[in-house]
Amino acid sequence: MRIRIIDAFTDRPFGGNPAGVCVLDGDSFPDDTWMQRVAAELNLSETAFAHARGGQDWALRWFTPLTEVNLCGHATLATTHALAEDGLAAATVRFDTRSGILAATVAADGSITLDFPRSPVIPIEALPGTAEALGVPVVASYDTGALADLLVEVADEHTVRTMAPDLAAVARLATRGVIVTAQAADPASGYDFVSRFFGPAVGVPEDPVTGSAHTALAPLWSARLGRDELVGLQASARSGLVRTGLRGDRVDLTGRAVTVLDGNLAAYA
């Protein structure tokens, strides 16, 4: 079976967020246990499995090293990139997923825009132990609905970049993962807000660039800054940019991708 590692939300190899991508030959998914083992073997934030459903319709699933997840942005972008490389993606591809039908549009310049559901941003009291787990003061906390992540605002960009959370304590919080964010320090920097994502509870200590998190980050910062179109920088060691656009109850997430490994998986289900 062909398997690729594709760096998403970047235009250079070894940046952004690497995703495993398996474009399956058949019209069904392999055994769930086998897909989970492949994801654990690759040990990337997510590995995506896709099979054709006819025309530009595909079925798509995502697995972390520990579990299947309901929504993943960077692995969807990476899968779209793989389909485009293979000549299997026209202008718009539709994916049937746990989060409903998600569309991805490939532009002439190679950039890819994902059409994702907008996540609610509901102010809440900070979960007990949040500041201690993150190791920084919490300015505000938000529930993100079905996304199931805790969104935390901190004082400034420097705090986001330099924080060193206690990942064991983060894993004990009552949430899938924690998104930490602040406004960009310099308006001329080319991005409007920064973030980091920690998901040790699902086997992802720190995710390099998290597309799904931007379905909550976009409405938060668009409301704050008064613009529907923004650029987010995820300030991990690998780093990556996500362009966001609000459209009612949907969020556009735009980025690029680069294939860095293309090979064959010898152990197939």
C-alpha atoms as a PDB file:
ATOM      1  CA  MET A   1       0.000   0.000   0.000  1.00  0.00           C
ATOM      2  CA  ARG A   2       1.268   3.464  -0.895  1.00  0.00           C
ATOM      3  CA  ILE A   3       1.781   5.802   2.062  1.00  0.00           C
ATOM      4  CA  ARG A   4       2.959   9.394   2.128  1.00  0.00           C
ATOM      5  CA  ILE A   5       4.087  11.875   4.743  1.00  0.00           C
ATOM      6  CA  ILE A   6       2.952  15.344   3.756  1.00  0.00           C
ATOM      7  CA  ASP A   7       3.798  18.560   5.600  1.00  0.00           C
ATOM      8  CA  ALA A   8       0.676  20.732   5.823  1.00  0.00           C
ATOM      9  CA  PHE A   9       0.189  24.467   6.357  1.00  0.00           C
ATOM     10  CA  THR A  10       3.660  25.176   4.999  1.00  0.00           C
ATOM     11  CA  ASP A  11       5.364  25.759   1.660  1.00  0.00           C
ATOM     12  CA  ARG A  12       8.690  24.174   2.688  1.00  0.00           C
ATOM     13  CA  PRO A  13       9.725  20.642   3.643  1.00  0.00           C
ATOM     14  CA  PHE A  14      10.095  19.915   7.362  1.00  0.00           C
ATOM     15  CA  GLY A  15       7.850  22.798   8.359  1.00  0.00           C
ATOM     16  CA  GLY A  16       4.168  22.887   9.231  1.00  0.00           C
ATOM     17  CA  ASN A  17       2.492  19.715  10.489  1.00  0.00           C
ATOM     18  CA  PRO A  18       3.374  16.292   9.035  1.00  0.00           C
ATOM     19  CA  ALA A  19       0.472  13.948   8.340  1.00  0.00           C
ATOM     20  CA  GLY A  20       0.447  10.372   7.169  1.00  0.00           C
ATOM     21  CA  VAL A  21      -1.797   9.846   4.146  1.00  0.00           C
ATOM     22  CA  CYS A  22      -3.088   6.522   2.789  1.00  0.00           C
ATOM     23  CA  VAL A  23      -5.232   6.815  -0.345  1.00  0.00           C
ATOM     24  CA  LEU A  24      -6.852   3.384  -0.446  1.00  0.00           C
ATOM     25  CA  ASP A  25      -7.412   1.423  -3.647  1.00  0.00           C
ATOM     26  CA  GLY A  26     -10.731  -0.133  -2.665  1.00  0.00           C
ATOM     27  CA  ASP A  27     -14.154   1.245  -1.816  1.00  0.00           C
ATOM     28  CA  SER A  28     -14.071   0.572   1.936  1.00  0.00           C
ATOM     29  CA  PHE A  29     -11.826   1.075   4.946  1.00  0.00           C
ATOM     30  CA  PRO A  30      -9.512  -1.634   6.304  1.00  0.00           C
ATOM     31  CA  ASP A  31      -9.953  -2.987   9.823  1.00  0.00           C
ATOM     32  CA  ASP A  32     -10.050  -0.216  12.451  1.00  0.00           C
ATOM     33  CA  THR A  33      -7.405  -1.930  14.570  1.00  0.00           C
ATOM     34  CA  TRP A  34      -5.017  -2.057  11.627  1.00  0.00           C
ATOM     35  CA  MET A  35      -5.500   1.636  10.834  1.00  0.00           C
ATOM     36  CA  GLN A  36      -4.831   2.497  14.478  1.00  0.00           C
ATOM     37  CA  ARG A  37      -1.646   0.423  14.392  1.00  0.00           C
ATOM     38  CA  VAL A  38      -0.450   2.226  11.267  1.00  0.00           C
ATOM     39  CA  ALA A  39      -1.082   5.570  12.962  1.00  0.00           C
ATOM     40  CA  ALA A  40       0.831   4.414  16.036  1.00  0.00           C
ATOM     41  CA  GLU A  41       3.698   3.189  13.843  1.00  0.00           C
ATOM     42  CA  LEU A  42       4.001   6.545  12.066  1.00  0.00           C
ATOM     43  CA  ASN A  43       3.608   8.338  15.416  1.00  0.00           C
ATOM     44  CA  LEU A  44       2.500  11.588  13.780  1.00  0.00           C
ATOM     45  CA  SER A  45      -0.242  13.834  15.139  1.00  0.00           C
ATOM     46  CA  GLU A  46      -2.671  12.275  12.644  1.00  0.00           C
ATOM     47  CA  THR A  47      -2.699   9.716   9.878  1.00  0.00           C
ATOM     48  CA  ALA A  48      -5.500   9.972   7.312  1.00  0.00           C
ATOM     49  CA  PHE A  49      -7.153   7.137   5.388  1.00  0.00           C
ATOM     50  CA  ALA A  50      -9.331   7.910   2.360  1.00  0.00           C
ATOM     51  CA  HIS A  51     -11.198   5.873  -0.227  1.00  0.00           C
ATOM     52  CA  ALA A  52     -13.157   6.939  -3.292  1.00  0.00           C
ATOM     53  CA  ARG A  53     -16.943   7.103  -3.284  1.00  0.00           C
ATOM     54  CA  GLY A  54     -17.361   8.181  -6.892  1.00  0.00           C
ATOM     55  CA  GLY A  55     -16.627  11.411  -8.747  1.00  0.00           C
ATOM     56  CA  GLN A  56     -15.097  13.961  -6.405  1.00  0.00           C
ATOM     57  CA  ASP A  57     -16.552  12.303  -3.287  1.00  0.00           C
ATOM     58  CA  TRP A  58     -14.284  10.539  -0.801  1.00  0.00           C
ATOM     59  CA  ALA A  59     -14.648   8.960   2.617  1.00  0.00           C
ATOM     60  CA  LEU A  60     -12.034  10.157   5.112  1.00  0.00           C
ATOM     61  CA  ARG A  61     -10.965   9.148   8.634  1.00  0.00           C
ATOM     62  CA  TRP A  62      -8.201  10.397  10.927  1.00  0.00           C
ATOM     63  CA  PHE A  63      -6.225   8.628  13.678  1.00  0.00           C
ATOM     64  CA  THR A  64      -3.763   9.949  16.258  1.00  0.00           C
ATOM     65  CA  PRO A  65      -1.249   7.431  17.670  1.00  0.00           C
ATOM     66  CA  LEU A  66      -3.859   6.579  20.336  1.00  0.00           C
ATOM     67  CA  THR A  67      -7.357   7.109  18.939  1.00  0.00           C
ATOM     68  CA  GLU A  68      -9.631   8.097  16.061  1.00  0.00           C
ATOM     69  CA  VAL A  69     -10.634  11.770  16.072  1.00  0.00           C
ATOM     70  CA  ASN A  70     -13.709  13.622  14.815  1.00  0.00           C
ATOM     71  CA  LEU A  71     -12.007  16.482  12.995  1.00  0.00           C
ATOM     72  CA  CYS A  72      -8.520  17.172  11.674  1.00  0.00           C
ATOM     73  CA  GLY A  73      -7.527  20.092   9.482  1.00  0.00           C
ATOM     74  CA  HIS A  74      -3.910  19.444   8.555  1.00  0.00           C
ATOM     75  CA  ALA A  75      -4.471  15.794   7.566  1.00  0.00           C
ATOM     76  CA  THR A  76      -7.459  16.838   5.420  1.00  0.00           C
ATOM     77  CA  LEU A  77      -5.301  19.422   3.680  1.00  0.00           C
ATOM     78  CA  ALA A  78      -2.561  16.804   3.244  1.00  0.00           C
ATOM     79  CA  THR A  79      -5.034  14.283   1.788  1.00  0.00           C
ATOM     80  CA  THR A  80      -6.307  16.872  -0.684  1.00  0.00           C
ATOM     81  CA  HIS A  81      -2.706  17.603  -1.686  1.00  0.00           C
ATOM     82  CA  ALA A  82      -2.119  13.879  -2.277  1.00  0.00           C
ATOM     83  CA  LEU A  83      -5.228  13.592  -4.445  1.00  0.00           C
ATOM     84  CA  ALA A  84      -4.144  16.646  -6.449  1.00  0.00           C
ATOM     85  CA  GLU A  85      -0.676  15.113  -6.955  1.00  0.00           C
ATOM     86  CA  ASP A  86      -2.346  11.972  -8.324  1.00  0.00           C
ATOM     87  CA  GLY A  87      -4.671  13.889 -10.645  1.00  0.00           C
ATOM     88  CA  LEU A  88      -7.688  12.760  -8.613  1.00  0.00           C
ATOM     89  CA  ALA A  89      -8.788  16.190  -7.359  1.00  0.00           C
ATOM     90  CA  ALA A  90     -10.708  18.616  -9.531  1.00  0.00           C
ATOM     91  CA  ALA A  91     -11.380  22.140  -8.271  1.00  0.00           C
ATOM     92  CA  THR A  92     -13.364  20.913  -5.249  1.00  0.00           C
ATOM     93  CA  VAL A  93     -13.203  17.601  -3.402  1.00  0.00           C
ATOM     94  CA  ARG A  94     -15.848  16.476  -0.882  1.00  0.00           C
ATOM     95  CA  PHE A  95     -15.000  14.314   2.129  1.00  0.00           C
ATOM     96  CA  ASP A  96     -17.556  12.295   4.096  1.00  0.00           C
ATOM     97  CA  THR A  97     -16.261  12.347   7.689  1.00  0.00           C
ATOM     98  CA  ARG A  98     -17.312  12.061  11.319  1.00  0.00           C
ATOM     99  CA  SER A  99     -17.911  15.824  11.185  1.00  0.00           C
ATOM    100  CA  GLY A 100     -20.156  15.649   8.127  1.00  0.00           C
ATOM    101  CA  ILE A 101     -19.305  16.663   4.578  1.00  0.00           C
ATOM    102  CA  LEU A 102     -16.137  18.747   4.371  1.00  0.00           C
ATOM    103  CA  ALA A 103     -15.096  20.397   1.109  1.00  0.00           C
ATOM    104  CA  ALA A 104     -11.576  21.242  -0.028  1.00  0.00           C
ATOM    105  CA  THR A 105     -10.813  23.508  -2.987  1.00  0.00           C
ATOM    106  CA  VAL A 106      -7.487  23.475  -4.825  1.00  0.00           C
ATOM    107  CA  ALA A 107      -6.506  26.856  -6.299  1.00  0.00           C
ATOM    108  CA  ALA A 108      -4.448  27.356  -9.442  1.00  0.00           C
ATOM    109  CA  ASP A 109      -1.440  28.389  -7.329  1.00  0.00           C
ATOM    110  CA  GLY A 110      -1.565  25.117  -5.375  1.00  0.00           C
ATOM    111  CA  SER A 111      -3.012  26.526  -2.170  1.00  0.00           C
ATOM    112  CA  ILE A 112      -5.880  24.556  -0.615  1.00  0.00           C
ATOM    113  CA  THR A 113      -8.927  25.943   1.183  1.00  0.00           C
ATOM    114  CA  LEU A 114     -10.855  23.752   3.603  1.00  0.00           C
ATOM    115  CA  ASP A 115     -14.543  24.433   4.299  1.00  0.00           C
ATOM    116  CA  PHE A 116     -15.013  23.461   7.961  1.00  0.00           C
ATOM    117  CA  PRO A 117     -17.807  23.952  10.507  1.00  0.00           C
ATOM    118  CA  ARG A 118     -17.375  26.980  12.757  1.00  0.00           C
ATOM    119  CA  SER A 119     -16.839  26.091  16.411  1.00  0.00           C
ATOM    120  CA  PRO A 120     -18.609  28.060  19.141  1.00  0.00           C
ATOM    121  CA  VAL A 121     -16.484  30.164  21.485  1.00  0.00           C
ATOM    122  CA  ILE A 122     -18.336  30.242  24.805  1.00  0.00           C
ATOM    123  CA  PRO A 123     -16.722  32.004  27.802  1.00  0.00           C
ATOM    124  CA  ILE A 124     -16.384  29.728  30.831  1.00  0.00           C
ATOM    125  CA  GLU A 125     -14.612  29.694  34.164  1.00  0.00           C
ATOM    126  CA  ALA A 126     -11.107  28.274  33.884  1.00  0.00           C
ATOM    127  CA  LEU A 127     -11.021  24.537  34.529  1.00  0.00           C
ATOM    128  CA  PRO A 128      -9.447  23.743  37.905  1.00  0.00           C
ATOM    129  CA  GLY A 129      -5.694  23.360  37.514  1.00  0.00           C
ATOM    130  CA  THR A 130      -5.482  24.992  34.080  1.00  0.00           C
ATOM    131  CA  ALA A 131      -3.040  27.772  34.988  1.00  0.00           C
ATOM    132  CA  GLU A 132      -0.914  25.360  36.984  1.00  0.00           C
ATOM    133  CA  ALA A 133      -0.831  22.835  34.120  1.00  0.00           C
ATOM    134  CA  LEU A 134       0.071  25.483  31.552  1.00  0.00           C
ATOM    135  CA  GLY A 135       2.513  27.258  33.851  1.00  0.00           C
ATOM    136  CA  VAL A 136       1.174  30.717  32.903  1.00  0.00           C
ATOM    137  CA  PRO A 137      -1.666  32.985  34.074  1.00  0.00           C
ATOM    138  CA  VAL A 138      -4.972  32.533  32.213  1.00  0.00           C
ATOM    139  CA  VAL A 139      -6.669  35.681  30.898  1.00  0.00           C
ATOM    140  CA  ALA A 140      -9.845  33.950  29.635  1.00  0.00           C
ATOM    141  CA  SER A 141     -11.178  30.452  28.945  1.00  0.00           C
ATOM    142  CA  TYR A 142     -13.662  29.261  26.322  1.00  0.00           C
ATOM    143  CA  ASP A 143     -15.604  26.101  25.599  1.00  0.00           C
ATOM    144  CA  THR A 144     -15.500  25.071  21.908  1.00  0.00           C
ATOM    145  CA  GLY A 145     -18.578  22.825  21.719  1.00  0.00           C
ATOM    146  CA  ALA A 146     -18.228  19.688  19.614  1.00  0.00           C
ATOM    147  CA  LEU A 147     -14.580  20.473  18.927  1.00  0.00           C
ATOM    148  CA  ALA A 148     -14.080  19.379  22.566  1.00  0.00           C
ATOM    149  CA  ASP A 149     -10.986  21.516  23.157  1.00  0.00           C
ATOM    150  CA  LEU A 150     -10.388  24.127  25.838  1.00  0.00           C
ATOM    151  CA  LEU A 151      -9.442  27.501  24.338  1.00  0.00           C
ATOM    152  CA  VAL A 152      -7.283  29.618  26.650  1.00  0.00           C
ATOM    153  CA  GLU A 153      -6.227  33.220  26.096  1.00  0.00           C
ATOM    154  CA  VAL A 154      -3.001  34.376  27.733  1.00  0.00           C
ATOM    155  CA  ALA A 155      -1.405  37.798  28.131  1.00  0.00           C
ATOM    156  CA  ASP A 156       0.711  38.141  25.003  1.00  0.00           C
ATOM    157  CA  GLU A 157       2.617  36.486  22.167  1.00  0.00           C
ATOM    158  CA  HIS A 158       5.775  36.122  24.252  1.00  0.00           C
ATOM    159  CA  THR A 159       3.829  34.055  26.798  1.00  0.00           C
ATOM    160  CA  VAL A 160       2.528  31.741  24.076  1.00  0.00           C
ATOM    161  CA  ARG A 161       5.974  31.242  22.559  1.00  0.00           C
ATOM    162  CA  THR A 162       7.893  30.636  25.787  1.00  0.00           C
ATOM    163  CA  MET A 163       5.428  28.635  27.898  1.00  0.00           C
ATOM    164  CA  ALA A 164       6.482  25.128  28.936  1.00  0.00           C
ATOM    165  CA  PRO A 165       3.384  23.314  30.209  1.00  0.00           C
ATOM    166  CA  ASP A 166       3.309  20.279  32.455  1.00  0.00           C
ATOM    167  CA  LEU A 167       1.969  17.844  29.858  1.00  0.00           C
ATOM    168  CA  ALA A 168       1.015  15.194  32.418  1.00  0.00           C
ATOM    169  CA  ALA A 169      -1.130  17.808  34.173  1.00  0.00           C
ATOM    170  CA  VAL A 170      -2.592  18.993  30.841  1.00  0.00           C
ATOM    171  CA  ALA A 171      -3.600  15.396  30.082  1.00  0.00           C
ATOM    172  CA  ARG A 172      -5.593  15.296  33.341  1.00  0.00           C
ATOM    173  CA  LEU A 173      -7.743  18.314  32.395  1.00  0.00           C
ATOM    174  CA  ALA A 174     -11.314  17.484  31.395  1.00  0.00           C
ATOM    175  CA  THR A 175     -10.787  18.231  27.694  1.00  0.00           C
ATOM    176  CA  ARG A 176      -9.484  16.624  24.490  1.00  0.00           C
ATOM    177  CA  GLY A 177      -6.790  19.262  24.086  1.00  0.00           C
ATOM    178  CA  VAL A 178      -5.850  22.822  25.032  1.00  0.00           C
ATOM    179  CA  ILE A 179      -5.501  25.677  22.548  1.00  0.00           C
ATOM    180  CA  VAL A 180      -3.454  28.588  23.908  1.00  0.00           C
ATOM    181  CA  THR A 181      -3.619  31.922  22.086  1.00  0.00           C
ATOM    182  CA  ALA A 182      -2.784  35.629  22.156  1.00  0.00           C
ATOM    183  CA  GLN A 183      -2.887  38.556  19.764  1.00  0.00           C
ATOM    184  CA  ALA A 184       0.176  39.088  17.578  1.00  0.00           C
ATOM    185  CA  ALA A 185       2.672  41.469  19.165  1.00  0.00           C
ATOM    186  CA  ASP A 186       3.480  43.299  15.910  1.00  0.00           C
ATOM    187  CA  PRO A 187       0.633  44.266  13.535  1.00  0.00           C
ATOM    188  CA  ALA A 188       3.166  44.314  10.673  1.00  0.00           C
ATOM    189  CA  SER A 189       4.332  40.738  11.310  1.00  0.00           C
ATOM    190  CA  GLY A 190       2.125  39.180   8.632  1.00  0.00           C
ATOM    191  CA  TYR A 191      -0.135  37.360  11.096  1.00  0.00           C
ATOM    192  CA  ASP A 192      -2.886  38.531  13.441  1.00  0.00           C
ATOM    193  CA  PHE A 193      -2.767  36.025  16.297  1.00  0.00           C
ATOM    194  CA  VAL A 194      -0.581  33.214  17.591  1.00  0.00           C
ATOM    195  CA  SER A 195      -1.463  29.871  19.106  1.00  0.00           C
ATOM    196  CA  ARG A 196      -0.141  26.543  20.323  1.00  0.00           C
ATOM    197  CA  PHE A 197      -1.995  23.252  20.823  1.00  0.00           C
ATOM    198  CA  PHE A 198      -1.391  20.581  23.445  1.00  0.00           C
ATOM    199  CA  GLY A 199      -3.213  17.220  23.261  1.00  0.00           C
ATOM    200  CA  PRO A 200      -1.371  14.692  25.429  1.00  0.00           C
ATOM    201  CA  ALA A 201      -4.668  12.999  26.348  1.00  0.00           C
ATOM    202  CA  VAL A 202      -4.984  11.796  22.724  1.00  0.00           C
ATOM    203  CA  GLY A 203      -1.291  11.037  22.183  1.00  0.00           C
ATOM    204  CA  VAL A 204      -0.277  14.443  20.788  1.00  0.00           C
ATOM    205  CA  PRO A 205       1.963  16.228  23.321  1.00  0.00           C
ATOM    206  CA  GLU A 206       2.189  19.342  21.110  1.00  0.00           C
ATOM    207  CA  ASP A 207       0.644  19.566  17.660  1.00  0.00           C
ATOM    208  CA  PRO A 208       2.789  21.642  15.255  1.00  0.00           C
ATOM    209  CA  VAL A 209      -0.114  23.258  13.319  1.00  0.00           C
ATOM    210  CA  THR A 210      -3.738  22.477  14.184  1.00  0.00           C
ATOM    211  CA  GLY A 211      -6.271  23.296  11.488  1.00  0.00           C
ATOM    212  CA  SER A 212      -9.291  22.296  13.579  1.00  0.00           C
ATOM    213  CA  ALA A 213      -8.254  24.659  16.392  1.00  0.00           C
ATOM    214  CA  HIS A 214      -8.614  27.540  13.950  1.00  0.00           C
ATOM    215  CA  THR A 215     -12.344  26.850  13.636  1.00  0.00           C
ATOM    216  CA  ALA A 216     -12.530  28.353  17.148  1.00  0.00           C
ATOM    217  CA  LEU A 217      -9.583  30.757  16.900  1.00  0.00           C
ATOM    218  CA  ALA A 218     -11.020  32.438  13.793  1.00  0.00           C
ATOM    219  CA  PRO A 219     -14.341  33.515  15.361  1.00  0.00           C
ATOM    220  CA  LEU A 220     -12.596  34.573  18.587  1.00  0.00           C
ATOM    221  CA  TRP A 221     -10.099  36.866  16.894  1.00  0.00           C
ATOM    222  CA  SER A 222     -12.384  38.026  14.090  1.00  0.00           C
ATOM    223  CA  ALA A 223     -14.830  39.320  16.711  1.00  0.00           C
ATOM    224  CA  ARG A 224     -11.980  40.947  18.625  1.00  0.00           C
ATOM    225  CA  LEU A 225     -10.255  42.514  15.600  1.00  0.00           C
ATOM    226  CA  GLY A 226     -13.331  43.325  13.500  1.00  0.00           C
ATOM    227  CA  ARG A 227     -12.270  41.436  10.349  1.00  0.00           C
ATOM    228  CA  ASP A 228     -13.574  38.216   8.823  1.00  0.00           C
ATOM    229  CA  GLU A 229     -10.254  37.337   7.147  1.00  0.00           C
ATOM    230  CA  LEU A 230      -7.192  36.806   9.338  1.00  0.00           C
ATOM    231  CA  VAL A 231      -3.875  34.944   9.435  1.00  0.00           C
ATOM    232  CA  GLY A 232      -2.941  32.747  12.374  1.00  0.00           C
ATOM    233  CA  LEU A 233       0.592  31.630  13.222  1.00  0.00           C
ATOM    234  CA  GLN A 234       0.932  28.429  15.202  1.00  0.00           C
ATOM    235  CA  ALA A 235       4.143  29.068  17.113  1.00  0.00           C
ATOM    236  CA  SER A 236       5.454  25.524  17.510  1.00  0.00           C
ATOM    237  CA  ALA A 237       9.040  24.530  16.757  1.00  0.00           C
ATOM    238  CA  ARG A 238       8.021  23.677  13.161  1.00  0.00           C
ATOM    239  CA  SER A 239       5.573  26.581  12.844  1.00  0.00           C
ATOM    240  CA  GLY A 240       2.945  27.206  10.166  1.00  0.00           C
ATOM    241  CA  LEU A 241       0.437  29.738   8.866  1.00  0.00           C
ATOM    242  CA  VAL A 242      -3.339  29.285   8.552  1.00  0.00           C
ATOM    243  CA  ARG A 243      -5.401  31.850   6.673  1.00  0.00           C
ATOM    244  CA  THR A 244      -8.933  31.988   8.060  1.00  0.00           C
ATOM    245  CA  GLY A 245     -12.180  33.384   6.683  1.00  0.00           C
ATOM    246  CA  LEU A 246     -15.586  33.414   8.372  1.00  0.00           C
ATOM    247  CA  ARG A 247     -18.685  32.605   6.308  1.00  0.00           C
ATOM    248  CA  GLY A 248     -21.692  32.369   8.607  1.00  0.00           C
ATOM    249  CA  ASP A 249     -21.512  29.012  10.380  1.00  0.00           C
ATOM    250  CA  ARG A 250     -18.490  27.913   8.315  1.00  0.00           C
ATOM    251  CA  VAL A 251     -14.773  28.722   8.464  1.00  0.00           C
ATOM    252  CA  ASP A 252     -12.377  28.677   5.507  1.00  0.00           C
ATOM    253  CA  LEU A 253      -8.873  27.450   6.373  1.00  0.00           C
ATOM    254  CA  THR A 254      -6.265  28.033   3.667  1.00  0.00           C
ATOM    255  CA  GLY A 255      -2.718  26.721   3.451  1.00  0.00           C
ATOM    256  CA  ARG A 256      -0.188  24.826   1.390  1.00  0.00           C
ATOM    257  CA  ALA A 257       1.387  21.383   1.619  1.00  0.00           C
ATOM    258  CA  VAL A 258       4.599  19.603   0.585  1.00  0.00           C
ATOM    259  CA  THR A 259       5.182  15.861   0.152  1.00  0.00           C
ATOM    260  CA  VAL A 260       8.357  14.768   1.951  1.00  0.00           C
ATOM    261  CA  LEU A 261       8.078  10.962   1.836  1.00  0.00           C
ATOM    262  CA  ASP A 262       6.393   8.678  -0.699  1.00  0.00           C
ATOM    263  CA  GLY A 263       6.730   4.935  -0.214  1.00  0.00           C
ATOM    264  CA  ASN A 264       5.051   1.584   0.270  1.00  0.00           C
ATOM    265  CA  LEU A 265       3.653   0.073   3.456  1.00  0.00           C
ATOM    266  CA  ALA A 266       4.702  -3.601   3.517  1.00  0.00           C
ATOM    267  CA  ALA A 267       2.427  -4.760   6.360  1.00  0.00           C
ATOM    268  CA  TYR A 268      -1.130  -4.504   5.056  1.00  0.00           C
ATOM    269  CA  ALA A 269      -4.334  -5.671   6.743  1.00  0.00           C
END
